[in-house]
Amino acid sequence: MIAFLIAAALLMTGSCNVRKIAQRMTNQYMPMAPYDVVIVPGIAYDTARQLTSGFNARIIWAKKLYDQGITKNIIFSGSACYSPYVEGQAMKLIAEAMGVPAEHVFAETKAEHGKENVYYGYLLAQKLGFKKVALAADPYQAFFLEGFIETNLPDMGILPMAVDSLKKWYLPVPAIDASPAFVKDFIPLNKRESFATRVKHTNHNNLPDLPKE
């Protein structure tokens, strides 16, 4: 969420042009497909608000990449941060309900910040034997994470949704039994970490022991 707000603020103040950046990323990395796997950053899952939101959009975008053969597998990354459901696991369950075979969709469940999605997602991709990896995200998060990826994993691709087409990804997704992703005695991230700590983690560029390709 913090990463999204920072990127959105930069866009609004005219410090960047996310639309052009997203198109550049698409032109640069889409021709390199197919990828062995894409990493999809998580976002809070809330059973009480089944709205057409960014949560849905990320799953729909990942499924499109899978259906079109742009990626062979999907890793949904995210712990239980702002709702009592493990984001990566809930997204995996929904993707399976949408028809993505279970053997091609995986959940990374440690990440609590955007750069950790890349970090832990990449570690899981390596563990699973995947070599050609890309980030699949909304254009604002792709913009925010580009520098981190270029510094630490320059061979990783970035596949953002088109800015002009964001609304078409905000569609309903199947209702699921999310109980396997439920965390008992959940404490939200903003109760476990101060705002300053969360900003520090969001801006941290060098997570330890990140493998180099």
N, C-alpha and C. Protein backbone atom coordinates (compact mmCIF):
# COMPACT_ATOMS: atom_id res chain seq x y z
N MET A 1 0.83 -1.20 0.00
CA MET A 1 0.00 0.00 0.00
C MET A 1 0.87 1.25 0.00
N ILE A 2 1.93 1.27 0.84
CA ILE A 2 2.80 2.43 0.89
C ILE A 2 3.46 2.65 -0.47
N ALA A 3 3.92 1.57 -1.09
CA ALA A 3 4.56 1.68 -2.40
C ALA A 3 3.59 2.27 -3.42
N PHE A 4 2.34 1.83 -3.37
CA PHE A 4 1.33 2.34 -4.30
C PHE A 4 1.12 3.84 -4.09
N LEU A 5 1.04 4.26 -2.84
CA LEU A 5 0.81 5.68 -2.55
C LEU A 5 1.97 6.54 -3.02
N ILE A 6 3.19 6.05 -2.83
CA ILE A 6 4.36 6.80 -3.27
C ILE A 6 4.35 6.94 -4.79
N ALA A 7 4.11 5.84 -5.49
CA ALA A 7 4.10 5.89 -6.95
C ALA A 7 2.97 6.78 -7.46
N ALA A 8 1.79 6.68 -6.83
CA ALA A 8 0.66 7.51 -7.26
C ALA A 8 0.95 8.99 -7.03
N ALA A 9 1.60 9.29 -5.92
CA ALA A 9 1.94 10.68 -5.63
C ALA A 9 2.92 11.23 -6.65
N LEU A 10 3.88 10.42 -7.02
CA LEU A 10 4.85 10.85 -8.04
C LEU A 10 4.15 11.12 -9.37
N LEU A 11 3.20 10.27 -9.69
CA LEU A 11 2.47 10.46 -10.94
C LEU A 11 1.67 11.76 -10.90
N MET A 12 1.00 12.00 -9.80
CA MET A 12 0.14 13.19 -9.68
C MET A 12 0.95 14.47 -9.71
N THR A 13 2.18 14.46 -9.17
CA THR A 13 2.99 15.67 -9.14
C THR A 13 3.76 15.87 -10.44
N GLY A 14 3.65 14.97 -11.36
CA GLY A 14 4.32 15.12 -12.64
C GLY A 14 5.77 14.70 -12.63
N SER A 15 6.24 14.03 -11.58
CA SER A 15 7.63 13.60 -11.50
C SER A 15 7.92 12.40 -12.39
N CYS A 16 6.90 11.75 -12.84
CA CYS A 16 7.10 10.60 -13.72
C CYS A 16 5.89 10.45 -14.62
N ASN A 17 6.05 9.66 -15.66
CA ASN A 17 4.94 9.36 -16.54
C ASN A 17 4.78 7.86 -16.56
N VAL A 18 3.94 7.36 -15.66
CA VAL A 18 3.81 5.93 -15.49
C VAL A 18 3.30 5.26 -16.76
N ARG A 19 2.45 5.95 -17.50
CA ARG A 19 1.91 5.38 -18.73
C ARG A 19 3.03 5.05 -19.72
N LYS A 20 3.93 5.99 -19.92
CA LYS A 20 5.03 5.75 -20.85
C LYS A 20 6.00 4.70 -20.32
N ILE A 21 6.22 4.73 -19.00
CA ILE A 21 7.12 3.75 -18.40
C ILE A 21 6.54 2.34 -18.56
N ALA A 22 5.23 2.18 -18.32
CA ALA A 22 4.60 0.87 -18.46
C ALA A 22 4.68 0.38 -19.89
N GLN A 23 4.49 1.27 -20.86
CA GLN A 23 4.57 0.87 -22.25
C GLN A 23 6.00 0.47 -22.62
N ARG A 24 6.97 1.21 -22.07
CA ARG A 24 8.37 0.86 -22.32
C ARG A 24 8.68 -0.54 -21.76
N MET A 25 8.20 -0.81 -20.54
CA MET A 25 8.41 -2.13 -19.96
C MET A 25 7.78 -3.22 -20.82
N THR A 26 6.57 -2.97 -21.28
CA THR A 26 5.88 -3.95 -22.12
C THR A 26 6.67 -4.20 -23.40
N ASN A 27 7.14 -3.14 -24.04
CA ASN A 27 7.90 -3.28 -25.27
C ASN A 27 9.22 -4.01 -25.04
N GLN A 28 9.80 -3.79 -23.86
CA GLN A 28 11.10 -4.40 -23.55
C GLN A 28 10.99 -5.87 -23.16
N TYR A 29 9.98 -6.19 -22.33
CA TYR A 29 9.97 -7.51 -21.71
C TYR A 29 8.96 -8.49 -22.30
N MET A 30 7.89 -8.00 -22.93
CA MET A 30 6.91 -8.93 -23.49
C MET A 30 7.50 -9.78 -24.61
N PRO A 31 8.38 -9.22 -25.48
CA PRO A 31 8.96 -10.06 -26.54
C PRO A 31 9.86 -11.17 -26.01
N MET A 32 10.25 -11.11 -24.74
CA MET A 32 11.12 -12.14 -24.16
C MET A 32 10.33 -13.35 -23.69
N ALA A 33 9.01 -13.29 -23.76
CA ALA A 33 8.16 -14.41 -23.36
C ALA A 33 8.39 -15.60 -24.30
N PRO A 34 8.11 -16.83 -23.81
CA PRO A 34 7.46 -17.16 -22.55
C PRO A 34 8.42 -17.18 -21.37
N TYR A 35 7.86 -16.87 -20.20
CA TYR A 35 8.59 -16.94 -18.95
C TYR A 35 8.24 -18.24 -18.24
N ASP A 36 9.20 -18.76 -17.46
CA ASP A 36 8.91 -19.95 -16.68
C ASP A 36 7.86 -19.65 -15.61
N VAL A 37 7.92 -18.44 -15.05
CA VAL A 37 7.00 -18.08 -13.97
C VAL A 37 6.90 -16.57 -13.86
N VAL A 38 5.74 -16.08 -13.44
CA VAL A 38 5.59 -14.67 -13.06
C VAL A 38 5.31 -14.60 -11.58
N ILE A 39 5.83 -13.55 -10.93
CA ILE A 39 5.57 -13.29 -9.53
C ILE A 39 4.54 -12.18 -9.45
N VAL A 40 3.45 -12.43 -8.73
CA VAL A 40 2.35 -11.47 -8.61
C VAL A 40 2.29 -10.99 -7.16
N PRO A 41 2.57 -9.72 -6.88
CA PRO A 41 2.49 -9.21 -5.51
C PRO A 41 1.08 -9.30 -4.95
N GLY A 42 1.00 -9.65 -3.68
CA GLY A 42 -0.30 -9.79 -3.04
C GLY A 42 -0.92 -8.47 -2.65
N ILE A 43 -2.18 -8.54 -2.30
CA ILE A 43 -2.93 -7.39 -1.80
C ILE A 43 -4.00 -7.98 -0.87
N ALA A 44 -4.45 -7.21 0.10
CA ALA A 44 -5.31 -7.76 1.14
C ALA A 44 -6.59 -8.39 0.58
N TYR A 45 -6.91 -9.58 1.07
CA TYR A 45 -8.14 -10.27 0.70
C TYR A 45 -9.16 -10.07 1.80
N ASP A 46 -10.35 -9.64 1.43
CA ASP A 46 -11.40 -9.35 2.41
C ASP A 46 -12.70 -10.00 1.94
N THR A 47 -13.13 -11.02 2.66
CA THR A 47 -14.34 -11.75 2.25
C THR A 47 -15.59 -10.88 2.34
N ALA A 48 -15.54 -9.81 3.13
CA ALA A 48 -16.72 -8.96 3.29
C ALA A 48 -16.85 -7.93 2.18
N ARG A 49 -15.80 -7.78 1.36
CA ARG A 49 -15.83 -6.76 0.29
C ARG A 49 -15.45 -7.42 -1.03
N GLN A 50 -16.36 -8.15 -1.61
CA GLN A 50 -16.11 -8.78 -2.90
C GLN A 50 -16.35 -7.75 -4.01
N LEU A 51 -15.47 -6.77 -4.08
CA LEU A 51 -15.60 -5.69 -5.05
C LEU A 51 -14.65 -5.91 -6.22
N THR A 52 -14.92 -5.23 -7.32
CA THR A 52 -14.02 -5.29 -8.46
C THR A 52 -12.86 -4.35 -8.17
N SER A 53 -11.78 -4.89 -7.68
CA SER A 53 -10.69 -4.10 -7.15
C SER A 53 -9.35 -4.54 -7.71
N GLY A 54 -8.30 -3.87 -7.20
CA GLY A 54 -6.95 -4.23 -7.59
C GLY A 54 -6.60 -5.66 -7.24
N PHE A 55 -7.19 -6.19 -6.18
CA PHE A 55 -6.97 -7.60 -5.82
C PHE A 55 -7.39 -8.50 -6.98
N ASN A 56 -8.61 -8.27 -7.46
CA ASN A 56 -9.11 -9.06 -8.59
C ASN A 56 -8.25 -8.86 -9.82
N ALA A 57 -7.87 -7.60 -10.08
CA ALA A 57 -7.14 -7.27 -11.30
C ALA A 57 -5.84 -8.04 -11.41
N ARG A 58 -5.12 -8.18 -10.29
CA ARG A 58 -3.84 -8.87 -10.34
C ARG A 58 -4.00 -10.34 -10.70
N ILE A 59 -5.07 -10.96 -10.17
CA ILE A 59 -5.31 -12.37 -10.48
C ILE A 59 -5.74 -12.52 -11.94
N ILE A 60 -6.62 -11.65 -12.41
CA ILE A 60 -7.09 -11.71 -13.79
C ILE A 60 -5.94 -11.46 -14.76
N TRP A 61 -5.07 -10.51 -14.45
CA TRP A 61 -3.91 -10.24 -15.30
C TRP A 61 -2.98 -11.45 -15.36
N ALA A 62 -2.72 -12.06 -14.20
CA ALA A 62 -1.86 -13.25 -14.18
C ALA A 62 -2.46 -14.39 -14.99
N LYS A 63 -3.77 -14.57 -14.86
CA LYS A 63 -4.43 -15.65 -15.62
C LYS A 63 -4.35 -15.39 -17.12
N LYS A 64 -4.49 -14.13 -17.52
CA LYS A 64 -4.36 -13.82 -18.94
C LYS A 64 -2.97 -14.16 -19.45
N LEU A 65 -1.95 -13.81 -18.67
CA LEU A 65 -0.58 -14.13 -19.07
C LEU A 65 -0.40 -15.64 -19.18
N TYR A 66 -1.02 -16.39 -18.27
CA TYR A 66 -0.95 -17.85 -18.33
C TYR A 66 -1.71 -18.38 -19.55
N ASP A 67 -2.94 -17.91 -19.74
CA ASP A 67 -3.77 -18.41 -20.84
C ASP A 67 -3.14 -18.13 -22.21
N GLN A 68 -2.43 -17.02 -22.33
CA GLN A 68 -1.81 -16.65 -23.60
C GLN A 68 -0.43 -17.27 -23.79
N GLY A 69 0.00 -18.06 -22.82
CA GLY A 69 1.30 -18.72 -22.94
C GLY A 69 2.48 -17.80 -22.67
N ILE A 70 2.21 -16.63 -22.11
CA ILE A 70 3.30 -15.70 -21.80
C ILE A 70 4.07 -16.18 -20.58
N THR A 71 3.39 -16.88 -19.69
CA THR A 71 4.05 -17.54 -18.57
C THR A 71 3.54 -18.96 -18.45
N LYS A 72 4.42 -19.84 -17.97
CA LYS A 72 4.04 -21.24 -17.79
C LYS A 72 3.53 -21.50 -16.38
N ASN A 73 3.87 -20.62 -15.44
CA ASN A 73 3.50 -20.81 -14.04
C ASN A 73 3.29 -19.45 -13.39
N ILE A 74 2.63 -19.45 -12.23
CA ILE A 74 2.34 -18.22 -11.49
C ILE A 74 2.70 -18.42 -10.02
N ILE A 75 3.40 -17.44 -9.44
CA ILE A 75 3.61 -17.39 -7.99
C ILE A 75 2.87 -16.16 -7.47
N PHE A 76 1.90 -16.38 -6.59
CA PHE A 76 1.25 -15.28 -5.89
C PHE A 76 1.97 -15.10 -4.56
N SER A 77 2.41 -13.88 -4.29
CA SER A 77 3.26 -13.63 -3.13
C SER A 77 2.60 -12.69 -2.13
N GLY A 78 2.57 -13.09 -0.87
CA GLY A 78 2.07 -12.20 0.15
C GLY A 78 1.64 -12.93 1.40
N SER A 79 1.99 -12.37 2.55
CA SER A 79 1.57 -12.89 3.84
C SER A 79 0.22 -12.29 4.22
N ALA A 80 -0.22 -12.53 5.44
CA ALA A 80 -1.43 -11.88 5.97
C ALA A 80 -1.01 -10.55 6.56
N CYS A 81 -1.26 -9.45 5.85
CA CYS A 81 -0.76 -8.13 6.27
C CYS A 81 -1.86 -7.24 6.83
N TYR A 82 -2.92 -7.04 6.08
CA TYR A 82 -3.97 -6.11 6.51
C TYR A 82 -5.34 -6.77 6.61
N SER A 83 -5.40 -8.06 6.38
CA SER A 83 -6.61 -8.84 6.65
C SER A 83 -6.15 -10.21 7.13
N PRO A 84 -7.00 -10.96 7.82
CA PRO A 84 -6.55 -12.24 8.40
C PRO A 84 -6.48 -13.39 7.40
N TYR A 85 -6.14 -13.07 6.16
CA TYR A 85 -6.00 -14.10 5.14
C TYR A 85 -4.64 -13.95 4.47
N VAL A 86 -3.93 -15.05 4.33
CA VAL A 86 -2.64 -15.04 3.66
C VAL A 86 -2.88 -14.72 2.19
N GLU A 87 -2.35 -13.59 1.75
CA GLU A 87 -2.67 -13.08 0.41
C GLU A 87 -2.30 -14.06 -0.69
N GLY A 88 -1.08 -14.56 -0.66
CA GLY A 88 -0.63 -15.47 -1.72
C GLY A 88 -1.48 -16.71 -1.80
N GLN A 89 -1.86 -17.24 -0.64
CA GLN A 89 -2.67 -18.46 -0.61
C GLN A 89 -4.09 -18.21 -1.11
N ALA A 90 -4.69 -17.09 -0.69
CA ALA A 90 -6.04 -16.76 -1.15
C ALA A 90 -6.07 -16.54 -2.66
N MET A 91 -5.06 -15.83 -3.18
CA MET A 91 -5.00 -15.58 -4.62
C MET A 91 -4.81 -16.88 -5.39
N LYS A 92 -4.01 -17.78 -4.84
CA LYS A 92 -3.81 -19.09 -5.48
C LYS A 92 -5.13 -19.85 -5.56
N LEU A 93 -5.89 -19.86 -4.47
CA LEU A 93 -7.18 -20.56 -4.46
C LEU A 93 -8.12 -20.00 -5.51
N ILE A 94 -8.15 -18.68 -5.66
CA ILE A 94 -9.03 -18.06 -6.65
C ILE A 94 -8.56 -18.39 -8.06
N ALA A 95 -7.26 -18.33 -8.30
CA ALA A 95 -6.73 -18.67 -9.63
C ALA A 95 -7.09 -20.09 -10.01
N GLU A 96 -7.02 -21.00 -9.05
CA GLU A 96 -7.40 -22.39 -9.32
C GLU A 96 -8.90 -22.47 -9.64
N ALA A 97 -9.71 -21.70 -8.91
CA ALA A 97 -11.15 -21.69 -9.17
C ALA A 97 -11.46 -21.11 -10.55
N MET A 98 -10.54 -20.28 -11.08
CA MET A 98 -10.71 -19.69 -12.40
C MET A 98 -10.17 -20.59 -13.51
N GLY A 99 -9.60 -21.73 -13.13
CA GLY A 99 -9.18 -22.69 -14.14
C GLY A 99 -7.69 -22.85 -14.34
N VAL A 100 -6.87 -22.15 -13.56
CA VAL A 100 -5.43 -22.36 -13.67
C VAL A 100 -5.10 -23.67 -12.96
N PRO A 101 -4.47 -24.63 -13.61
CA PRO A 101 -4.17 -25.91 -12.96
C PRO A 101 -3.34 -25.73 -11.69
N ALA A 102 -3.68 -26.48 -10.66
CA ALA A 102 -3.02 -26.35 -9.36
C ALA A 102 -1.51 -26.57 -9.47
N GLU A 103 -1.10 -27.41 -10.40
CA GLU A 103 0.33 -27.70 -10.52
C GLU A 103 1.12 -26.56 -11.16
N HIS A 104 0.41 -25.53 -11.62
CA HIS A 104 1.08 -24.40 -12.24
C HIS A 104 0.90 -23.09 -11.47
N VAL A 105 0.36 -23.17 -10.26
CA VAL A 105 0.16 -21.96 -9.47
C VAL A 105 0.65 -22.21 -8.04
N PHE A 106 1.43 -21.26 -7.51
CA PHE A 106 2.10 -21.44 -6.23
C PHE A 106 1.88 -20.23 -5.34
N ALA A 107 2.01 -20.44 -4.03
CA ALA A 107 1.83 -19.36 -3.06
C ALA A 107 3.12 -19.15 -2.28
N GLU A 108 3.57 -17.91 -2.26
CA GLU A 108 4.68 -17.48 -1.39
C GLU A 108 4.04 -16.72 -0.26
N THR A 109 4.35 -17.07 0.99
CA THR A 109 3.54 -16.59 2.11
C THR A 109 4.32 -15.81 3.16
N LYS A 110 5.53 -15.35 2.85
CA LYS A 110 6.33 -14.60 3.83
C LYS A 110 6.30 -13.09 3.60
N ALA A 111 6.17 -12.65 2.37
CA ALA A 111 6.37 -11.24 2.02
C ALA A 111 5.31 -10.34 2.67
N GLU A 112 5.78 -9.21 3.21
CA GLU A 112 4.88 -8.21 3.80
C GLU A 112 5.03 -6.84 3.15
N HIS A 113 5.98 -6.69 2.23
CA HIS A 113 6.23 -5.43 1.54
C HIS A 113 6.55 -5.74 0.08
N GLY A 114 6.40 -4.72 -0.81
CA GLY A 114 6.54 -4.96 -2.24
C GLY A 114 7.86 -5.58 -2.64
N LYS A 115 8.97 -5.06 -2.09
CA LYS A 115 10.27 -5.60 -2.46
C LYS A 115 10.46 -7.02 -1.93
N GLU A 116 9.79 -7.31 -0.81
CA GLU A 116 9.82 -8.68 -0.30
C GLU A 116 9.05 -9.63 -1.22
N ASN A 117 8.01 -9.12 -1.91
CA ASN A 117 7.33 -9.96 -2.90
C ASN A 117 8.31 -10.44 -3.96
N VAL A 118 9.14 -9.51 -4.44
CA VAL A 118 10.15 -9.87 -5.43
C VAL A 118 11.17 -10.82 -4.82
N TYR A 119 11.65 -10.47 -3.64
CA TYR A 119 12.71 -11.22 -2.96
C TYR A 119 12.28 -12.66 -2.67
N TYR A 120 11.21 -12.82 -1.90
CA TYR A 120 10.76 -14.16 -1.53
C TYR A 120 10.17 -14.91 -2.73
N GLY A 121 9.51 -14.18 -3.62
CA GLY A 121 8.99 -14.82 -4.82
C GLY A 121 10.11 -15.40 -5.67
N TYR A 122 11.19 -14.65 -5.79
CA TYR A 122 12.33 -15.13 -6.57
C TYR A 122 12.99 -16.34 -5.91
N LEU A 123 13.13 -16.30 -4.59
CA LEU A 123 13.70 -17.45 -3.89
C LEU A 123 12.86 -18.70 -4.11
N LEU A 124 11.53 -18.55 -4.07
CA LEU A 124 10.65 -19.70 -4.32
C LEU A 124 10.79 -20.17 -5.76
N ALA A 125 10.88 -19.23 -6.71
CA ALA A 125 11.05 -19.61 -8.11
C ALA A 125 12.32 -20.44 -8.30
N GLN A 126 13.40 -20.03 -7.64
CA GLN A 126 14.65 -20.79 -7.73
C GLN A 126 14.48 -22.17 -7.12
N LYS A 127 13.83 -22.23 -5.97
CA LYS A 127 13.61 -23.52 -5.30
C LYS A 127 12.82 -24.47 -6.18
N LEU A 128 11.88 -23.92 -6.94
CA LEU A 128 11.04 -24.75 -7.83
C LEU A 128 11.73 -25.07 -9.15
N GLY A 129 12.90 -24.50 -9.37
CA GLY A 129 13.66 -24.79 -10.58
C GLY A 129 13.36 -23.89 -11.76
N PHE A 130 12.64 -22.78 -11.53
CA PHE A 130 12.31 -21.86 -12.61
C PHE A 130 13.48 -20.90 -12.85
N LYS A 131 13.81 -20.68 -14.09
CA LYS A 131 14.97 -19.85 -14.45
C LYS A 131 14.56 -18.48 -14.99
N LYS A 132 13.57 -18.46 -15.84
CA LYS A 132 13.17 -17.22 -16.51
C LYS A 132 11.97 -16.65 -15.78
N VAL A 133 12.19 -15.54 -15.07
CA VAL A 133 11.21 -15.03 -14.12
C VAL A 133 10.83 -13.60 -14.49
N ALA A 134 9.57 -13.25 -14.26
CA ALA A 134 9.11 -11.87 -14.47
C ALA A 134 8.17 -11.46 -13.34
N LEU A 135 8.11 -10.17 -13.10
CA LEU A 135 7.11 -9.59 -12.20
C LEU A 135 5.88 -9.25 -13.01
N ALA A 136 4.70 -9.60 -12.51
CA ALA A 136 3.43 -9.21 -13.15
C ALA A 136 2.65 -8.39 -12.14
N ALA A 137 2.43 -7.10 -12.44
CA ALA A 137 1.85 -6.20 -11.44
C ALA A 137 1.07 -5.08 -12.12
N ASP A 138 0.37 -4.29 -11.30
CA ASP A 138 -0.23 -3.09 -11.85
C ASP A 138 0.90 -2.12 -12.20
N PRO A 139 0.67 -1.14 -13.08
CA PRO A 139 1.76 -0.30 -13.58
C PRO A 139 2.43 0.54 -12.50
N TYR A 140 1.69 0.92 -11.47
CA TYR A 140 2.27 1.74 -10.41
C TYR A 140 3.27 0.94 -9.57
N GLN A 141 2.89 -0.30 -9.24
CA GLN A 141 3.83 -1.12 -8.47
C GLN A 141 5.00 -1.54 -9.34
N ALA A 142 4.76 -1.80 -10.61
CA ALA A 142 5.86 -2.13 -11.51
C ALA A 142 6.86 -0.98 -11.59
N PHE A 143 6.33 0.25 -11.66
CA PHE A 143 7.18 1.43 -11.68
C PHE A 143 8.00 1.53 -10.40
N PHE A 144 7.35 1.31 -9.26
CA PHE A 144 8.02 1.44 -7.97
C PHE A 144 9.11 0.38 -7.80
N LEU A 145 8.89 -0.83 -8.30
CA LEU A 145 9.82 -1.93 -8.08
C LEU A 145 10.90 -2.04 -9.15
N GLU A 146 10.80 -1.26 -10.22
CA GLU A 146 11.73 -1.41 -11.33
C GLU A 146 13.18 -1.19 -10.88
N GLY A 147 13.45 -0.16 -10.10
CA GLY A 147 14.82 0.12 -9.67
C GLY A 147 15.39 -1.00 -8.83
N PHE A 148 14.58 -1.54 -7.92
CA PHE A 148 15.02 -2.66 -7.08
C PHE A 148 15.37 -3.88 -7.94
N ILE A 149 14.52 -4.15 -8.93
CA ILE A 149 14.76 -5.30 -9.81
C ILE A 149 16.01 -5.08 -10.65
N GLU A 150 16.16 -3.90 -11.21
CA GLU A 150 17.34 -3.61 -12.04
C GLU A 150 18.63 -3.74 -11.24
N THR A 151 18.59 -3.34 -9.97
CA THR A 151 19.79 -3.40 -9.12
C THR A 151 20.13 -4.82 -8.70
N ASN A 152 19.12 -5.60 -8.35
CA ASN A 152 19.35 -6.90 -7.74
C ASN A 152 19.14 -8.08 -8.69
N LEU A 153 18.21 -7.96 -9.62
CA LEU A 153 17.89 -9.07 -10.52
C LEU A 153 17.69 -8.53 -11.94
N PRO A 154 18.75 -8.07 -12.58
CA PRO A 154 18.61 -7.39 -13.86
C PRO A 154 18.07 -8.27 -14.98
N ASP A 155 18.06 -9.58 -14.80
CA ASP A 155 17.53 -10.47 -15.83
C ASP A 155 16.04 -10.74 -15.65
N MET A 156 15.44 -10.20 -14.59
CA MET A 156 14.01 -10.41 -14.36
C MET A 156 13.19 -9.49 -15.26
N GLY A 157 12.15 -10.01 -15.87
CA GLY A 157 11.26 -9.21 -16.69
C GLY A 157 10.22 -8.48 -15.83
N ILE A 158 9.55 -7.51 -16.42
CA ILE A 158 8.48 -6.77 -15.75
C ILE A 158 7.31 -6.64 -16.72
N LEU A 159 6.16 -7.15 -16.33
CA LEU A 159 4.99 -7.17 -17.20
C LEU A 159 3.83 -6.42 -16.53
N PRO A 160 3.73 -5.11 -16.76
CA PRO A 160 2.66 -4.33 -16.14
C PRO A 160 1.36 -4.36 -16.95
N MET A 161 0.25 -4.22 -16.26
CA MET A 161 -1.01 -3.96 -16.95
C MET A 161 -0.94 -2.59 -17.60
N ALA A 162 -1.60 -2.42 -18.72
CA ALA A 162 -1.61 -1.12 -19.38
C ALA A 162 -2.41 -0.12 -18.55
N VAL A 163 -1.87 1.08 -18.36
CA VAL A 163 -2.55 2.11 -17.56
C VAL A 163 -3.92 2.42 -18.13
N ASP A 164 -4.03 2.53 -19.45
CA ASP A 164 -5.30 2.90 -20.07
C ASP A 164 -6.35 1.80 -19.97
N SER A 165 -5.90 0.60 -19.61
CA SER A 165 -6.83 -0.54 -19.60
C SER A 165 -7.07 -1.08 -18.20
N LEU A 166 -6.68 -0.34 -17.16
CA LEU A 166 -6.79 -0.86 -15.81
C LEU A 166 -8.21 -1.30 -15.47
N LYS A 167 -9.21 -0.50 -15.84
CA LYS A 167 -10.57 -0.81 -15.43
C LYS A 167 -11.07 -2.14 -15.99
N LYS A 168 -10.53 -2.54 -17.12
CA LYS A 168 -11.04 -3.79 -17.70
C LYS A 168 -10.57 -5.01 -16.92
N TRP A 169 -9.59 -4.81 -16.03
CA TRP A 169 -9.14 -5.92 -15.19
C TRP A 169 -9.89 -5.94 -13.86
N TYR A 170 -10.66 -4.88 -13.57
CA TYR A 170 -11.38 -4.81 -12.30
C TYR A 170 -12.72 -5.55 -12.45
N LEU A 171 -12.66 -6.83 -12.56
CA LEU A 171 -13.81 -7.67 -12.81
C LEU A 171 -14.03 -8.63 -11.64
N PRO A 172 -15.22 -9.20 -11.50
CA PRO A 172 -15.45 -10.16 -10.42
C PRO A 172 -14.59 -11.40 -10.58
N VAL A 173 -14.27 -12.02 -9.48
CA VAL A 173 -13.59 -13.31 -9.47
C VAL A 173 -14.46 -14.29 -8.70
N PRO A 174 -14.26 -15.60 -8.87
CA PRO A 174 -15.12 -16.58 -8.18
C PRO A 174 -15.02 -16.47 -6.66
N ALA A 175 -16.14 -16.68 -6.00
CA ALA A 175 -16.14 -16.81 -4.55
C ALA A 175 -15.48 -18.13 -4.18
N ILE A 176 -14.72 -18.14 -3.12
CA ILE A 176 -14.02 -19.35 -2.69
C ILE A 176 -14.22 -19.59 -1.21
N ASP A 177 -13.89 -20.80 -0.79
CA ASP A 177 -13.75 -21.08 0.64
C ASP A 177 -12.33 -20.68 1.00
N ALA A 178 -12.18 -19.53 1.65
CA ALA A 178 -10.86 -18.99 1.96
C ALA A 178 -10.32 -19.48 3.30
N SER A 179 -11.02 -20.41 3.94
CA SER A 179 -10.60 -20.85 5.28
C SER A 179 -9.18 -21.42 5.30
N PRO A 180 -8.69 -22.09 4.22
CA PRO A 180 -7.29 -22.56 4.29
C PRO A 180 -6.27 -21.43 4.40
N ALA A 181 -6.67 -20.21 4.01
CA ALA A 181 -5.76 -19.07 4.07
C ALA A 181 -5.95 -18.22 5.32
N PHE A 182 -6.87 -18.61 6.18
CA PHE A 182 -7.20 -17.81 7.36
C PHE A 182 -6.16 -17.97 8.45
N VAL A 183 -5.80 -16.85 9.08
CA VAL A 183 -4.82 -16.84 10.16
C VAL A 183 -5.54 -16.54 11.47
N LYS A 184 -5.49 -17.48 12.39
CA LYS A 184 -6.11 -17.30 13.70
C LYS A 184 -5.29 -16.31 14.53
N ASP A 185 -5.95 -15.54 15.35
CA ASP A 185 -5.30 -14.55 16.22
C ASP A 185 -4.46 -13.56 15.40
N PHE A 186 -5.01 -13.15 14.28
CA PHE A 186 -4.31 -12.25 13.36
C PHE A 186 -4.11 -10.86 13.97
N ILE A 187 -2.93 -10.30 13.74
CA ILE A 187 -2.63 -8.91 14.10
C ILE A 187 -2.18 -8.20 12.84
N PRO A 188 -2.88 -7.13 12.41
CA PRO A 188 -2.51 -6.46 11.16
C PRO A 188 -1.13 -5.82 11.23
N LEU A 189 -0.54 -5.65 10.07
CA LEU A 189 0.82 -5.14 9.97
C LEU A 189 0.96 -3.77 10.62
N ASN A 190 -0.05 -2.92 10.47
CA ASN A 190 0.06 -1.57 11.03
C ASN A 190 -0.06 -1.55 12.56
N LYS A 191 -0.38 -2.71 13.14
CA LYS A 191 -0.35 -2.84 14.60
C LYS A 191 0.95 -3.49 15.06
N ARG A 192 1.63 -4.15 14.15
CA ARG A 192 2.89 -4.82 14.48
C ARG A 192 4.11 -3.96 14.16
N GLU A 193 3.96 -3.04 13.20
CA GLU A 193 5.05 -2.16 12.80
C GLU A 193 4.58 -0.71 12.76
N SER A 194 5.43 0.18 13.17
CA SER A 194 5.11 1.60 13.07
C SER A 194 5.13 2.04 11.61
N PHE A 195 4.54 3.20 11.34
CA PHE A 195 4.56 3.72 9.97
C PHE A 195 5.99 3.93 9.50
N ALA A 196 6.86 4.44 10.38
CA ALA A 196 8.25 4.68 10.02
C ALA A 196 8.95 3.37 9.66
N THR A 197 8.68 2.31 10.40
CA THR A 197 9.28 1.01 10.10
C THR A 197 8.79 0.47 8.77
N ARG A 198 7.49 0.65 8.52
CA ARG A 198 6.95 0.17 7.24
C ARG A 198 7.53 0.94 6.06
N VAL A 199 7.72 2.24 6.21
CA VAL A 199 8.35 3.03 5.16
C VAL A 199 9.80 2.57 4.96
N LYS A 200 10.50 2.32 6.06
CA LYS A 200 11.88 1.84 5.98
C LYS A 200 11.96 0.54 5.20
N HIS A 201 11.07 -0.40 5.52
CA HIS A 201 11.05 -1.67 4.81
C HIS A 201 10.69 -1.49 3.33
N THR A 202 9.74 -0.58 3.08
CA THR A 202 9.33 -0.32 1.71
C THR A 202 10.47 0.24 0.88
N ASN A 203 11.29 1.09 1.48
CA ASN A 203 12.37 1.76 0.76
C ASN A 203 13.69 1.00 0.80
N HIS A 204 13.74 -0.11 1.52
CA HIS A 204 14.99 -0.87 1.66
C HIS A 204 15.31 -1.55 0.33
N ASN A 205 16.50 -1.30 -0.19
CA ASN A 205 16.85 -1.76 -1.53
C ASN A 205 17.68 -3.03 -1.58
N ASN A 206 18.25 -3.44 -0.47
CA ASN A 206 19.17 -4.57 -0.51
C ASN A 206 18.83 -5.59 0.57
N LEU A 207 17.85 -6.41 0.27
CA LEU A 207 17.51 -7.51 1.18
C LEU A 207 18.64 -8.52 1.18
N PRO A 208 18.90 -9.19 2.30
CA PRO A 208 20.09 -10.04 2.40
C PRO A 208 20.00 -11.31 1.56
N ASP A 209 21.16 -11.72 1.08
CA ASP A 209 21.32 -13.02 0.44
C ASP A 209 20.45 -13.22 -0.79
N LEU A 210 20.15 -12.15 -1.50
CA LEU A 210 19.38 -12.29 -2.74
C LEU A 210 20.27 -12.87 -3.81
N PRO A 211 19.95 -14.05 -4.35
CA PRO A 211 20.83 -14.68 -5.34
C PRO A 211 20.94 -13.84 -6.59
N LYS A 212 22.08 -13.84 -7.18
CA LYS A 212 22.30 -13.17 -8.46
C LYS A 212 22.20 -14.19 -9.59
N GLU A 213 21.58 -13.77 -10.69
CA GLU A 213 21.50 -14.66 -11.85
C GLU A 213 22.78 -14.59 -12.65
